[in-house]
Amino acid sequence: MSGKGNFHANANVETFFKTIKAELIWRLSWETRRRTEMTILEYINGFYNP
């Protein structure tokens, strides 16, 4: 973690969440919370953690 006021501290996490929202979450409709969680985990493991 960086110190207080360092605006670069969360840049990577914010980029990740922006990407997952734009590429996955906003493009699909979700039937259940469980299916949403499974799809997000599959996306993370398939794209970010191959």
C-alpha atoms as a PDB file:
ATOM      1  CA  MET A   1       0.000   0.000   0.000  1.00  0.00           C
ATOM      2  CA  SER A   2       1.168   3.493  -0.687  1.00  0.00           C
ATOM      3  CA  GLY A   3       0.842   6.490   1.542  1.00  0.00           C
ATOM      4  CA  LYS A   4      -2.126   8.770   1.980  1.00  0.00           C
ATOM      5  CA  GLY A   5      -2.808  11.010  -0.998  1.00  0.00           C
ATOM      6  CA  ASN A   6      -0.968   8.871  -3.551  1.00  0.00           C
ATOM      7  CA  PHE A   7      -3.385   8.753  -6.460  1.00  0.00           C
ATOM      8  CA  HIS A   8      -1.537   5.844  -8.110  1.00  0.00           C
ATOM      9  CA  ALA A   9      -2.415   3.493  -5.234  1.00  0.00           C
ATOM     10  CA  ASN A  10      -5.682   2.214  -6.713  1.00  0.00           C
ATOM     11  CA  ALA A  11      -5.069   2.733 -10.425  1.00  0.00           C
ATOM     12  CA  ASN A  12      -4.630  -0.971 -11.211  1.00  0.00           C
ATOM     13  CA  VAL A  13      -7.707  -2.032  -9.273  1.00  0.00           C
ATOM     14  CA  GLU A  14      -9.837   0.721 -10.786  1.00  0.00           C
ATOM     15  CA  THR A  15      -8.700  -0.300 -14.276  1.00  0.00           C
ATOM     16  CA  PHE A  16      -9.586  -3.923 -13.538  1.00  0.00           C
ATOM     17  CA  PHE A  17     -13.102  -3.051 -12.350  1.00  0.00           C
ATOM     18  CA  LYS A  18     -13.685  -0.727 -15.305  1.00  0.00           C
ATOM     19  CA  THR A  19     -12.644  -3.480 -17.700  1.00  0.00           C
ATOM     20  CA  ILE A  20     -14.743  -6.223 -16.120  1.00  0.00           C
ATOM     21  CA  LYS A  21     -17.790  -3.955 -16.064  1.00  0.00           C
ATOM     22  CA  ALA A  22     -17.420  -2.880 -19.681  1.00  0.00           C
ATOM     23  CA  GLU A  23     -16.562  -6.326 -21.077  1.00  0.00           C
ATOM     24  CA  LEU A  24     -18.791  -8.538 -18.975  1.00  0.00           C
ATOM     25  CA  ILE A  25     -21.242  -7.081 -16.508  1.00  0.00           C
ATOM     26  CA  TRP A  26     -22.963  -4.426 -18.629  1.00  0.00           C
ATOM     27  CA  ARG A  27     -23.210  -6.681 -21.690  1.00  0.00           C
ATOM     28  CA  LEU A  28     -25.251  -9.493 -20.162  1.00  0.00           C
ATOM     29  CA  SER A  29     -28.472  -9.832 -18.233  1.00  0.00           C
ATOM     30  CA  TRP A  30     -28.289 -11.784 -15.005  1.00  0.00           C
ATOM     31  CA  GLU A  31     -30.859 -14.323 -13.851  1.00  0.00           C
ATOM     32  CA  THR A  32     -29.484 -15.075 -10.390  1.00  0.00           C
ATOM     33  CA  ARG A  33     -26.777 -13.815  -8.085  1.00  0.00           C
ATOM     34  CA  ARG A  34     -25.141 -17.269  -8.083  1.00  0.00           C
ATOM     35  CA  ARG A  35     -24.889 -17.305 -11.896  1.00  0.00           C
ATOM     36  CA  THR A  36     -23.446 -13.797 -11.819  1.00  0.00           C
ATOM     37  CA  GLU A  37     -20.783 -14.830  -9.310  1.00  0.00           C
ATOM     38  CA  MET A  38     -19.860 -17.938 -11.303  1.00  0.00           C
ATOM     39  CA  THR A  39     -19.575 -15.985 -14.560  1.00  0.00           C
ATOM     40  CA  ILE A  40     -17.359 -13.345 -12.955  1.00  0.00           C
ATOM     41  CA  LEU A  41     -15.107 -16.012 -11.430  1.00  0.00           C
ATOM     42  CA  GLU A  42     -14.853 -17.785 -14.794  1.00  0.00           C
ATOM     43  CA  TYR A  43     -13.958 -14.473 -16.454  1.00  0.00           C
ATOM     44  CA  ILE A  44     -11.263 -13.672 -13.895  1.00  0.00           C
ATOM     45  CA  ASN A  45      -9.744 -17.164 -13.991  1.00  0.00           C
ATOM     46  CA  GLY A  46      -9.920 -17.420 -17.766  1.00  0.00           C
ATOM     47  CA  PHE A  47      -8.709 -13.949 -18.673  1.00  0.00           C
ATOM     48  CA  TYR A  48      -6.522 -12.702 -15.846  1.00  0.00           C
ATOM     49  CA  ASN A  49      -5.236 -15.986 -14.416  1.00  0.00           C
ATOM     50  CA  PRO A  50      -4.628 -18.330 -17.372  1.00  0.00           C
END
